C-alpha atoms as a PDB file:
ATOM      1  CA  MET A   1       0.010   0.199  -0.180  1.00  0.00           C
ATOM      2  CA  LYS A   2       1.324   3.427  -0.944  1.00  0.00           C
ATOM      3  CA  VAL A   3      -0.033   7.041  -0.934  1.00  0.00           C
ATOM      4  CA  ILE A   4      -0.301   9.163  -3.596  1.00  0.00           C
ATOM      5  CA  CYS A   5      -1.786  13.256  -3.288  1.00  0.00           C
ATOM      6  CA  THR A   6      -2.603  15.752  -5.258  1.00  0.00           C
ATOM      7  CA  GLU A   7      -0.085  18.853  -5.954  1.00  0.00           C
ATOM      8  CA  LYS A   8      -2.408  21.339  -2.783  1.00  0.00           C
ATOM      9  CA  SER A   9      -2.316  17.879  -0.308  1.00  0.00           C
ATOM     10  CA  GLN A  10       0.890  17.500  -0.021  1.00  0.00           C
ATOM     11  CA  ILE A  11       1.245  18.081   3.618  1.00  0.00           C
ATOM     12  CA  LEU A  12      -1.660  15.963   4.673  1.00  0.00           C
ATOM     13  CA  GLY A  13      -0.381  13.115   2.068  1.00  0.00           C
ATOM     14  CA  THR A  14       2.995  13.176   3.569  1.00  0.00           C
ATOM     15  CA  SER A  15       1.739  13.101   6.842  1.00  0.00           C
ATOM     16  CA  LEU A  16      -0.078  10.243   6.342  1.00  0.00           C
ATOM     17  CA  ALA A  17       1.817   8.370   4.703  1.00  0.00           C
ATOM     18  CA  ARG A  18       4.223   8.438   7.811  1.00  0.00           C
ATOM     19  CA  ALA A  19       1.338   7.284  10.138  1.00  0.00           C
ATOM     20  CA  LEU A  20       0.710   4.348   7.932  1.00  0.00           C
ATOM     21  CA  LYS A  21       4.371   3.888   7.811  1.00  0.00           C
ATOM     22  CA  THR A  22       4.602   3.460   4.083  1.00  0.00           C
ATOM     23  CA  SER A  23       5.748   5.498   1.314  1.00  0.00           C
ATOM     24  CA  VAL A  24       4.348   8.793  -1.179  1.00  0.00           C
ATOM     25  CA  VAL A  25       3.933   7.757  -4.794  1.00  0.00           C
ATOM     26  CA  GLU A  26       5.759  10.923  -6.693  1.00  0.00           C
ATOM     27  CA  VAL A  27       3.589  12.831  -9.176  1.00  0.00           C
ATOM     28  CA  LYS A  28       5.373  14.740 -12.124  1.00  0.00           C
ATOM     29  CA  TYR A  29       2.509  18.376 -12.829  1.00  0.00           C
ATOM     30  CA  SER A  30       2.530  19.768 -15.775  1.00  0.00           C
ATOM     31  CA  ARG A  31       0.239  21.693 -18.294  1.00  0.00           C
ATOM     32  CA  PHE A  32       0.088  21.966 -22.248  1.00  0.00           C
ATOM     33  CA  PRO A  33       0.354  24.845 -24.258  1.00  0.00           C
ATOM     34  CA  ASP A  34      -3.988  25.365 -23.868  1.00  0.00           C
ATOM     35  CA  GLY A  35      -3.784  24.946 -19.947  1.00  0.00           C
ATOM     36  CA  GLU A  36      -4.726  21.748 -19.860  1.00  0.00           C
ATOM     37  CA  HIS A  37      -3.189  19.267 -16.935  1.00  0.00           C
ATOM     38  CA  TYR A  38      -1.115  16.366 -17.581  1.00  0.00           C
ATOM     39  CA  LEU A  39       0.705  14.285 -14.609  1.00  0.00           C
ATOM     40  CA  ILE A  40       2.963  10.941 -14.465  1.00  0.00           C
ATOM     41  CA  THR A  41       2.879   9.154 -11.646  1.00  0.00           C
ATOM     42  CA  GLY A  42       5.834   6.903 -10.027  1.00  0.00           C
ATOM     43  CA  GLU A  43       5.587   3.225  -9.491  1.00  0.00           C
ATOM     44  CA  LEU A  44       2.275   2.608  -8.021  1.00  0.00           C
ATOM     45  CA  ASP A  45       1.066  -0.288  -5.724  1.00  0.00           C
ATOM     46  CA  ASP A  46      -1.773  -2.747  -5.566  1.00  0.00           C
ATOM     47  CA  GLU A  47      -3.602  -0.493  -3.474  1.00  0.00           C
ATOM     48  CA  THR A  48      -2.884   3.244  -3.245  1.00  0.00           C
ATOM     49  CA  ILE A  49      -4.773   5.735  -0.933  1.00  0.00           C
ATOM     50  CA  ILE A  50      -5.501   8.418  -2.873  1.00  0.00           C
ATOM     51  CA  VAL A  51      -5.421  11.887  -1.047  1.00  0.00           C
ATOM     52  CA  GLY A  52      -6.836  14.997  -2.621  1.00  0.00           C
ATOM     53  CA  SER A  53      -8.918  18.065  -1.376  1.00  0.00           C
ATOM     54  CA  VAL A  54     -11.191  19.249  -3.582  1.00  0.00           C
ATOM     55  CA  VAL A  55      -9.922  23.439  -3.332  1.00  0.00           C
ATOM     56  CA  ASP A  56     -10.446  24.458  -6.316  1.00  0.00           C
ATOM     57  CA  ASN A  57     -11.341  23.464  -9.869  1.00  0.00           C
ATOM     58  CA  ASP A  58      -7.467  22.824 -10.993  1.00  0.00           C
ATOM     59  CA  ALA A  59      -7.737  20.658  -7.889  1.00  0.00           C
ATOM     60  CA  LEU A  60     -10.890  18.273  -8.621  1.00  0.00           C
ATOM     61  CA  VAL A  61      -9.094  18.076 -12.436  1.00  0.00           C
ATOM     62  CA  GLN A  62      -5.948  16.661 -11.020  1.00  0.00           C
ATOM     63  CA  LEU A  63      -7.977  14.613  -8.538  1.00  0.00           C
ATOM     64  CA  LEU A  64      -9.300  13.041 -11.286  1.00  0.00           C
ATOM     65  CA  LEU A  65      -6.411  12.479 -13.478  1.00  0.00           C
ATOM     66  CA  ILE A  66      -4.942  10.772 -10.564  1.00  0.00           C
ATOM     67  CA  ILE A  67      -7.231   8.356  -9.487  1.00  0.00           C
ATOM     68  CA  ASP A  68      -7.678   7.071 -13.394  1.00  0.00           C
ATOM     69  CA  ALA A  69      -3.648   6.682 -13.650  1.00  0.00           C
ATOM     70  CA  CYS A  70      -3.696   4.840 -10.623  1.00  0.00           C
ATOM     71  CA  ASP A  71      -6.493   2.718 -11.920  1.00  0.00           C
ATOM     72  CA  CYS A  72      -7.172  -0.165  -9.159  1.00  0.00           C
ATOM     73  CA  SER A  73     -10.204  -1.600  -8.182  1.00  0.00           C
ATOM     74  CA  LYS A  74      -8.331  -1.919  -4.596  1.00  0.00           C
ATOM     75  CA  ASN A  75      -7.919   1.811  -4.388  1.00  0.00           C
ATOM     76  CA  ARG A  76      -9.489   4.086  -1.766  1.00  0.00           C
ATOM     77  CA  LEU A  77     -10.116   7.474  -2.193  1.00  0.00           C
ATOM     78  CA  VAL A  78      -9.404  10.393   1.090  1.00  0.00           C
ATOM     79  CA  LEU A  79     -11.493  13.351   0.440  1.00  0.00           C
ATOM     80  CA  PRO A  80     -10.096  15.879   2.877  1.00  0.00           C
ATOM     81  CA  TYR A  81     -12.374  18.759   1.978  1.00  0.00           C
ATOM     82  CA  MET A  82     -15.008  19.077  -0.603  1.00  0.00           C
ATOM     83  CA  GLY A  83     -15.370  21.801  -2.805  1.00  0.00           C
ATOM     84  CA  TYR A  84     -18.931  22.312  -3.828  1.00  0.00           C
ATOM     85  CA  ALA A  85     -20.369  20.310  -0.997  1.00  0.00           C
ATOM     86  CA  ARG A  86     -22.726  23.358   0.291  1.00  0.00           C
ATOM     87  CA  GLN A  87     -24.661  22.945  -2.939  1.00  0.00           C
ATOM     88  CA  ASP A  88     -26.406  19.529  -1.668  1.00  0.00           C
ATOM     89  CA  LYS A  89     -29.627  20.300  -3.066  1.00  0.00           C
ATOM     90  CA  ARG A  90     -31.590  22.034  -5.904  1.00  0.00           C
ATOM     91  CA  PHE A  91     -32.833  25.639  -4.524  1.00  0.00           C
ATOM     92  CA  ARG A  92     -34.133  26.890  -7.704  1.00  0.00           C
ATOM     93  CA  HIS A  93     -34.655  25.175 -11.049  1.00  0.00           C
ATOM     94  CA  GLY A  94     -32.237  24.677 -13.383  1.00  0.00           C
ATOM     95  CA  GLU A  95     -29.670  24.426 -10.399  1.00  0.00           C
ATOM     96  CA  PRO A  96     -27.632  21.529 -10.634  1.00  0.00           C
ATOM     97  CA  VAL A  97     -27.022  19.456  -7.637  1.00  0.00           C
ATOM     98  CA  SER A  98     -23.214  20.323  -7.194  1.00  0.00           C
ATOM     99  CA  ALA A  99     -22.371  18.206  -4.669  1.00  0.00           C
ATOM    100  CA  ARG A 100     -23.557  15.180  -6.494  1.00  0.00           C
ATOM    101  CA  ALA A 101     -21.822  16.036  -9.766  1.00  0.00           C
ATOM    102  CA  ILE A 102     -18.440  15.730  -7.593  1.00  0.00           C
ATOM    103  CA  ALA A 103     -19.321  12.830  -5.614  1.00  0.00           C
ATOM    104  CA  GLN A 104     -20.336  11.399  -8.569  1.00  0.00           C
ATOM    105  CA  ALA A 105     -16.877  12.099 -10.566  1.00  0.00           C
ATOM    106  CA  VAL A 106     -15.008  10.786  -7.907  1.00  0.00           C
ATOM    107  CA  SER A 107     -16.814   7.531  -7.676  1.00  0.00           C
ATOM    108  CA  ARG A 108     -15.329   5.927 -10.581  1.00  0.00           C
ATOM    109  CA  GLY A 109     -12.512   4.226 -10.071  1.00  0.00           C
ATOM    110  CA  VAL A 110     -12.121   3.590  -5.933  1.00  0.00           C
ATOM    111  CA  SER A 111     -13.640   1.204  -3.685  1.00  0.00           C
ATOM    112  CA  GLU A 112     -14.253   3.490  -1.181  1.00  0.00           C
ATOM    113  CA  ILE A 113     -14.346   7.173   0.040  1.00  0.00           C
ATOM    114  CA  ILE A 114     -13.401   8.853   3.347  1.00  0.00           C
ATOM    115  CA  THR A 115     -14.761  12.332   4.162  1.00  0.00           C
ATOM    116  CA  VAL A 116     -13.658  14.637   6.881  1.00  0.00           C
ATOM    117  CA  ASN A 117     -16.150  16.699   8.544  1.00  0.00           C
ATOM    118  CA  ILE A 118     -18.220  16.688   5.309  1.00  0.00           C
ATOM    119  CA  HIS A 119     -20.711  20.018   5.443  1.00  0.00           C
ATOM    120  CA  GLU A 120     -24.083  18.026   5.021  1.00  0.00           C
ATOM    121  CA  LYS A 121     -23.745  13.802   5.696  1.00  0.00           C
ATOM    122  CA  GLU A 122     -26.468  13.849   3.367  1.00  0.00           C
ATOM    123  CA  VAL A 123     -23.970  14.444   0.735  1.00  0.00           C
ATOM    124  CA  LEU A 124     -22.392  10.709   1.394  1.00  0.00           C
ATOM    125  CA  LYS A 125     -25.491   9.131  -0.349  1.00  0.00           C
ATOM    126  CA  TYR A 126     -24.543  10.658  -3.602  1.00  0.00           C
ATOM    127  CA  PHE A 127     -21.036   9.013  -4.201  1.00  0.00           C
ATOM    128  CA  GLY A 128     -21.146   6.153  -6.234  1.00  0.00           C
ATOM    129  CA  VAL A 129     -19.043   3.684  -3.689  1.00  0.00           C
ATOM    130  CA  PRO A 130     -19.372   3.642   0.182  1.00  0.00           C
ATOM    131  CA  ALA A 131     -18.619   6.668   1.741  1.00  0.00           C
ATOM    132  CA  ARG A 132     -18.471   7.352   5.309  1.00  0.00           C
ATOM    133  CA  ASN A 133     -17.328  10.648   7.223  1.00  0.00           C
ATOM    134  CA  ILE A 134     -15.129  11.219  10.247  1.00  0.00           C
ATOM    135  CA  SER A 135     -14.508  14.271  12.055  1.00  0.00           C
ATOM    136  CA  LEU A 136     -11.776  16.039  13.738  1.00  0.00           C
ATOM    137  CA  ALA A 137     -13.933  17.463  16.960  1.00  0.00           C
ATOM    138  CA  HIS A 138     -11.576  15.289  19.431  1.00  0.00           C
ATOM    139  CA  ASP A 139      -8.196  16.559  17.510  1.00  0.00           C
ATOM    140  CA  ILE A 140      -9.394  20.137  17.577  1.00  0.00           C
ATOM    141  CA  GLY A 141     -10.508  19.445  21.673  1.00  0.00           C
ATOM    142  CA  SER A 142      -6.772  17.673  21.885  1.00  0.00           C
ATOM    143  CA  TYR A 143      -5.371  20.952  20.528  1.00  0.00           C
ATOM    144  CA  ILE A 144      -7.198  23.357  22.486  1.00  0.00           C
ATOM    145  CA  LYS A 145      -5.750  21.643  26.157  1.00  0.00           C
ATOM    146  CA  THR A 146      -2.298  22.957  24.681  1.00  0.00           C
ATOM    147  CA  LEU A 147      -3.401  26.264  24.542  1.00  0.00           C
ATOM    148  CA  HIS A 148      -3.960  25.920  28.572  1.00  0.00           C
ATOM    149  CA  LEU A 149      -6.945  28.263  28.525  1.00  0.00           C
ATOM    150  CA  ASP A 150      -8.548  28.648  31.710  1.00  0.00           C
ATOM    151  CA  ASN A 151     -12.277  27.622  32.250  1.00  0.00           C
ATOM    152  CA  PRO A 152     -12.520  28.406  28.413  1.00  0.00           C
ATOM    153  CA  LEU A 153     -16.102  28.552  26.591  1.00  0.00           C
ATOM    154  CA  ILE A 154     -16.507  26.874  23.383  1.00  0.00           C
ATOM    155  CA  LEU A 155     -18.840  28.674  21.394  1.00  0.00           C
ATOM    156  CA  ALA A 156     -20.543  27.049  18.087  1.00  0.00           C
ATOM    157  CA  PRO A 157     -21.137  30.593  15.920  1.00  0.00           C
ATOM    158  CA  ASP A 158     -24.726  29.086  15.278  1.00  0.00           C
ATOM    159  CA  GLU A 159     -27.252  26.466  16.953  1.00  0.00           C
ATOM    160  CA  GLY A 160     -26.994  24.116  13.790  1.00  0.00           C
ATOM    161  CA  ALA A 161     -22.781  23.949  14.725  1.00  0.00           C
ATOM    162  CA  LEU A 162     -24.043  23.189  18.779  1.00  0.00           C
ATOM    163  CA  ILE A 163     -23.081  19.566  18.120  1.00  0.00           C
ATOM    164  CA  PHE A 164     -19.672  19.951  17.081  1.00  0.00           C
ATOM    165  CA  ALA A 165     -19.146  22.389  19.574  1.00  0.00           C
ATOM    166  CA  ARG A 166     -20.448  19.456  21.902  1.00  0.00           C
ATOM    167  CA  GLN A 167     -18.056  17.261  21.041  1.00  0.00           C
ATOM    168  CA  VAL A 168     -15.155  19.715  20.981  1.00  0.00           C
ATOM    169  CA  ALA A 169     -15.840  20.052  24.525  1.00  0.00           C
ATOM    170  CA  SER A 170     -15.809  16.997  25.852  1.00  0.00           C
ATOM    171  CA  ALA A 171     -12.011  16.762  24.613  1.00  0.00           C
ATOM    172  CA  GLY A 172     -11.573  19.243  28.156  1.00  0.00           C
ATOM    173  CA  GLY A 173     -14.916  18.631  29.603  1.00  0.00           C
ATOM    174  CA  TRP A 174     -15.577  22.427  29.186  1.00  0.00           C
ATOM    175  CA  GLU A 175     -18.851  23.979  28.749  1.00  0.00           C
ATOM    176  CA  PHE A 176     -20.148  25.352  25.291  1.00  0.00           C
ATOM    177  CA  ASP A 177     -23.016  27.467  24.037  1.00  0.00           C
ATOM    178  CA  HIS A 178     -24.345  28.540  20.455  1.00  0.00           C
ATOM    179  CA  LEU A 179     -24.475  32.579  19.137  1.00  0.00           C
ATOM    180  CA  GLU A 180     -27.865  33.578  19.285  1.00  0.00           C
ATOM    181  CA  LYS A 181     -28.841  36.830  17.046  1.00  0.00           C
ATOM    182  CA  ASN A 182     -31.359  39.203  18.814  1.00  0.00           C
ATOM    183  CA  ARG A 183     -32.273  42.280  16.609  1.00  0.00           C
ATOM    184  CA  ILE A 184     -32.437  45.379  18.378  1.00  0.00           C
ATOM    185  CA  SER A 185     -34.016  47.744  15.570  1.00  0.00           C
ATOM    186  CA  GLY A 186     -34.504  47.527  11.821  1.00  0.00           C
ATOM    187  CA  VAL A 187     -30.826  47.918  11.017  1.00  0.00           C
ATOM    188  CA  GLU A 188     -29.258  46.787  14.706  1.00  0.00           C
ATOM    189  CA  VAL A 189     -28.625  43.096  15.761  1.00  0.00           C
ATOM    190  CA  THR A 190     -26.093  41.528  18.415  1.00  0.00           C
ATOM    191  CA  MET A 191     -24.894  38.485  18.734  1.00  0.00           C
ATOM    192  CA  ALA A 192     -24.556  36.383  22.099  1.00  0.00           C
ATOM    193  CA  PRO A 193     -24.150  33.352  23.910  1.00  0.00           C
ATOM    194  CA  LYS A 194     -27.746  31.652  23.936  1.00  0.00           C
ATOM    195  CA  GLN A 195     -26.867  30.702  27.948  1.00  0.00           C
ATOM    196  CA  LEU A 196     -23.863  31.039  29.342  1.00  0.00           C
ATOM    197  CA  CYS A 197     -21.818  34.506  30.420  1.00  0.00           C
ATOM    198  CA  ALA A 198     -18.743  35.232  28.382  1.00  0.00           C
ATOM    199  CA  ALA A 199     -17.312  37.679  30.507  1.00  0.00           C
ATOM    200  CA  SER A 200     -13.717  37.492  32.068  1.00  0.00           C
ATOM    201  CA  ARG A 201     -13.196  33.941  29.690  1.00  0.00           C
ATOM    202  CA  SER A 202     -11.538  33.058  26.688  1.00  0.00           C
ATOM    203  CA  VAL A 203     -13.865  31.911  24.038  1.00  0.00           C
ATOM    204  CA  VAL A 204     -12.968  29.699  21.352  1.00  0.00           C
ATOM    205  CA  ILE A 205     -15.244  29.936  18.641  1.00  0.00           C
ATOM    206  CA  VAL A 206     -15.367  26.660  16.197  1.00  0.00           C
ATOM    207  CA  ASP A 207     -17.044  25.088  13.168  1.00  0.00           C
ATOM    208  CA  ASP A 208     -16.194  23.134  10.448  1.00  0.00           C
ATOM    209  CA  ILE A 209     -15.291  25.378   7.867  1.00  0.00           C
ATOM    210  CA  ILE A 210     -14.484  29.175   8.227  1.00  0.00           C
ATOM    211  CA  SER A 211     -15.245  30.839   4.357  1.00  0.00           C
ATOM    212  CA  THR A 212     -15.359  34.606   4.775  1.00  0.00           C
ATOM    213  CA  GLY A 213     -15.436  35.013   8.331  1.00  0.00           C
ATOM    214  CA  GLY A 214     -17.808  37.867   8.562  1.00  0.00           C
ATOM    215  CA  THR A 215     -19.923  36.271  10.994  1.00  0.00           C
ATOM    216  CA  ILE A 216     -17.772  35.560  13.366  1.00  0.00           C
ATOM    217  CA  ALA A 217     -15.548  38.901  13.000  1.00  0.00           C
ATOM    218  CA  THR A 218     -18.785  40.412  13.962  1.00  0.00           C
ATOM    219  CA  ALA A 219     -19.313  38.163  17.336  1.00  0.00           C
ATOM    220  CA  SER A 220     -15.683  38.604  18.095  1.00  0.00           C
ATOM    221  CA  GLY A 221     -16.491  42.471  18.378  1.00  0.00           C
ATOM    222  CA  MET A 222     -19.407  41.673  20.358  1.00  0.00           C
ATOM    223  CA  LEU A 223     -18.210  38.956  22.694  1.00  0.00           C
ATOM    224  CA  TYR A 224     -15.268  41.602  23.888  1.00  0.00           C
ATOM    225  CA  GLN A 225     -17.690  44.283  24.639  1.00  0.00           C
ATOM    226  CA  GLN A 226     -19.165  41.237  26.987  1.00  0.00           C
ATOM    227  CA  GLY A 227     -16.124  41.310  28.761  1.00  0.00           C
ATOM    228  CA  ALA A 228     -14.565  38.131  27.120  1.00  0.00           C
ATOM    229  CA  LYS A 229     -11.032  37.845  27.995  1.00  0.00           C
ATOM    230  CA  ASP A 230      -9.730  36.607  24.646  1.00  0.00           C
ATOM    231  CA  VAL A 231     -11.240  35.057  21.462  1.00  0.00           C
ATOM    232  CA  PHE A 232     -10.023  32.301  19.215  1.00  0.00           C
ATOM    233  CA  ALA A 233     -11.417  31.038  16.228  1.00  0.00           C
ATOM    234  CA  VAL A 234     -10.711  27.019  15.207  1.00  0.00           C
ATOM    235  CA  CYS A 235     -12.313  25.208  12.586  1.00  0.00           C
ATOM    236  CA  VAL A 236     -11.702  21.966  10.486  1.00  0.00           C
ATOM    237  CA  HIS A 237     -11.844  23.419   6.840  1.00  0.00           C
ATOM    238  CA  GLY A 238      -9.917  26.790   6.654  1.00  0.00           C
ATOM    239  CA  VAL A 239     -11.338  28.440   3.490  1.00  0.00           C
ATOM    240  CA  LEU A 240     -10.768  31.888   4.725  1.00  0.00           C
ATOM    241  CA  THR A 241     -11.158  33.592   1.375  1.00  0.00           C
ATOM    242  CA  GLY A 242     -11.742  37.198   0.353  1.00  0.00           C
ATOM    243  CA  GLY A 243      -9.155  38.264   2.980  1.00  0.00           C
ATOM    244  CA  ALA A 244     -11.250  36.240   5.934  1.00  0.00           C
ATOM    245  CA  TYR A 245      -7.591  35.822   7.563  1.00  0.00           C
ATOM    246  CA  VAL A 246      -7.055  39.530   7.716  1.00  0.00           C
ATOM    247  CA  ARG A 247     -10.499  40.440   8.488  1.00  0.00           C
ATOM    248  CA  LEU A 248     -10.318  37.619  11.707  1.00  0.00           C
ATOM    249  CA  MET A 249      -7.099  39.402  13.275  1.00  0.00           C
ATOM    250  CA  ALA A 250      -8.474  42.874  12.716  1.00  0.00           C
ATOM    251  CA  ALA A 251     -12.004  41.865  14.671  1.00  0.00           C
ATOM    252  CA  GLY A 252      -9.302  41.024  17.496  1.00  0.00           C
ATOM    253  CA  ILE A 253      -9.154  37.157  16.782  1.00  0.00           C
ATOM    254  CA  ARG A 254      -6.159  35.899  18.915  1.00  0.00           C
ATOM    255  CA  ASP A 255      -5.391  33.281  16.613  1.00  0.00           C
ATOM    256  CA  VAL A 256      -7.023  31.762  13.737  1.00  0.00           C
ATOM    257  CA  ILE A 257      -6.547  27.772  13.640  1.00  0.00           C
ATOM    258  CA  CYS A 258      -7.388  25.106  11.324  1.00  0.00           C
ATOM    259  CA  SER A 259      -6.369  22.180  10.144  1.00  0.00           C
ATOM    260  CA  ASP A 260      -4.225  20.595   7.157  1.00  0.00           C
ATOM    261  CA  THR A 261      -7.295  19.355   5.110  1.00  0.00           C
ATOM    262  CA  ILE A 262      -6.928  22.464   3.445  1.00  0.00           C
ATOM    263  CA  GLU A 263      -3.609  23.279   3.375  1.00  0.00           C
ATOM    264  CA  ARG A 264      -2.554  26.785   5.498  1.00  0.00           C
ATOM    265  CA  GLY A 265       0.088  28.825   7.193  1.00  0.00           C
ATOM    266  CA  CYS A 266      -2.414  28.729  10.372  1.00  0.00           C
ATOM    267  CA  SER A 267      -2.717  24.382   9.432  1.00  0.00           C
ATOM    268  CA  LYS A 268      -2.021  23.883  13.015  1.00  0.00           C
ATOM    269  CA  ILE A 269      -4.044  20.283  13.289  1.00  0.00           C
ATOM    270  CA  SER A 270      -3.450  17.125  11.555  1.00  0.00           C
ATOM    271  CA  ALA A 271      -5.883  15.030  10.186  1.00  0.00           C
ATOM    272  CA  ALA A 272      -3.109  12.410   9.088  1.00  0.00           C
ATOM    273  CA  ASP A 273      -3.896  10.354  12.461  1.00  0.00           C
ATOM    274  CA  ILE A 274      -7.498   9.955  12.620  1.00  0.00           C
ATOM    275  CA  ILE A 275      -7.407   9.176   8.712  1.00  0.00           C
ATOM    276  CA  ALA A 276      -4.578   6.782   9.367  1.00  0.00           C
ATOM    277  CA  ALA A 277      -6.933   4.896  12.205  1.00  0.00           C
ATOM    278  CA  GLU A 278     -10.134   4.857   9.803  1.00  0.00           C
ATOM    279  CA  LEU A 279      -8.036   3.030   6.965  1.00  0.00           C
ATOM    280  CA  LYS A 280      -6.520   0.747   9.371  1.00  0.00           C
ATOM    281  CA  ARG A 281     -10.068  -0.376  10.880  1.00  0.00           C
ATOM    282  CA  CYS A 282     -11.625  -0.619   7.738  1.00  0.00           C
END
C-alpha cells in the first residue's frame, strides 16, 4: 500500500504516509500549451490511498486524473475537503446539485471514500461507492488543551454547529454554547451566547468551515464588548476566502487555527492520524 496525493494536499498526504508507515508516490505535474493538466506517477502499488482535497477546480481535475492513472479496484480515496459540498440540493429550478456531480465524478475508479467533517452528511449518499465521514472534533479539542486556557467557553457560531461544539468541548470537559442573534432594531443586531456568559473568559469559536469569516469577526467584537478575555477561531476547513484571515485578526481574534484538510499557514492541526486510524480499521 502506498499514498499518492494532489499538489494541494502534499503536506497531509505525506503526514498520512508517515502515520501508515508507508511511502508516497511521486507525481510530476505539468500543463499543455492550452492549459490542460498533465501528470505522470511513479511506481504504483496494488493498493493506493489517494489523497486530494477539492479546494478549487484545478485540484478537482488533478484528483480525477490521479484516480484514472492509479486504475486499480482496490484504491481508496481520502477526500479531506470537498468543494461544492454546500450545494447539496436544488434551491431553484435549473440549478445543478453540485455536490452530487462532484461525488459521482470522484467515485469512478475507487472502492471507497473517506471524508472529513463533510458539511452535510446527506452528501454521502451521492457517492457511487461506500463512503463514510470522520470528525476532527476531538483532535481540535486536544489542540485547544495545548493552549492552556483557563475555563474556556467553546462556542458554536449558530445552533446548527452546536453538536460539533459539544464534541470539541467533551475533550476537555468544558462548557459549550452557541451564538444567538437578537434584533434590536431594523438595522441593529446583537450576538451573544444563548445561555452562558462570556465575561472574563477565553472564548473559542469552533465550526467545520470558516469561509469569509464575517459572522465570526462580528461576533468577536461583540464578545469583547461583553467582557470576553480573548477570542479564538478554530475550524476544520480553513477556506478563508476574500481576505478572511485579515478580517478576523482585525476583529481582535487572538489566533485563527485550522487543520491541514486545506493547507494554510494557520494549519496547526493534522487530520493524518485520525484518517490513518480509519484506514487501518477497515
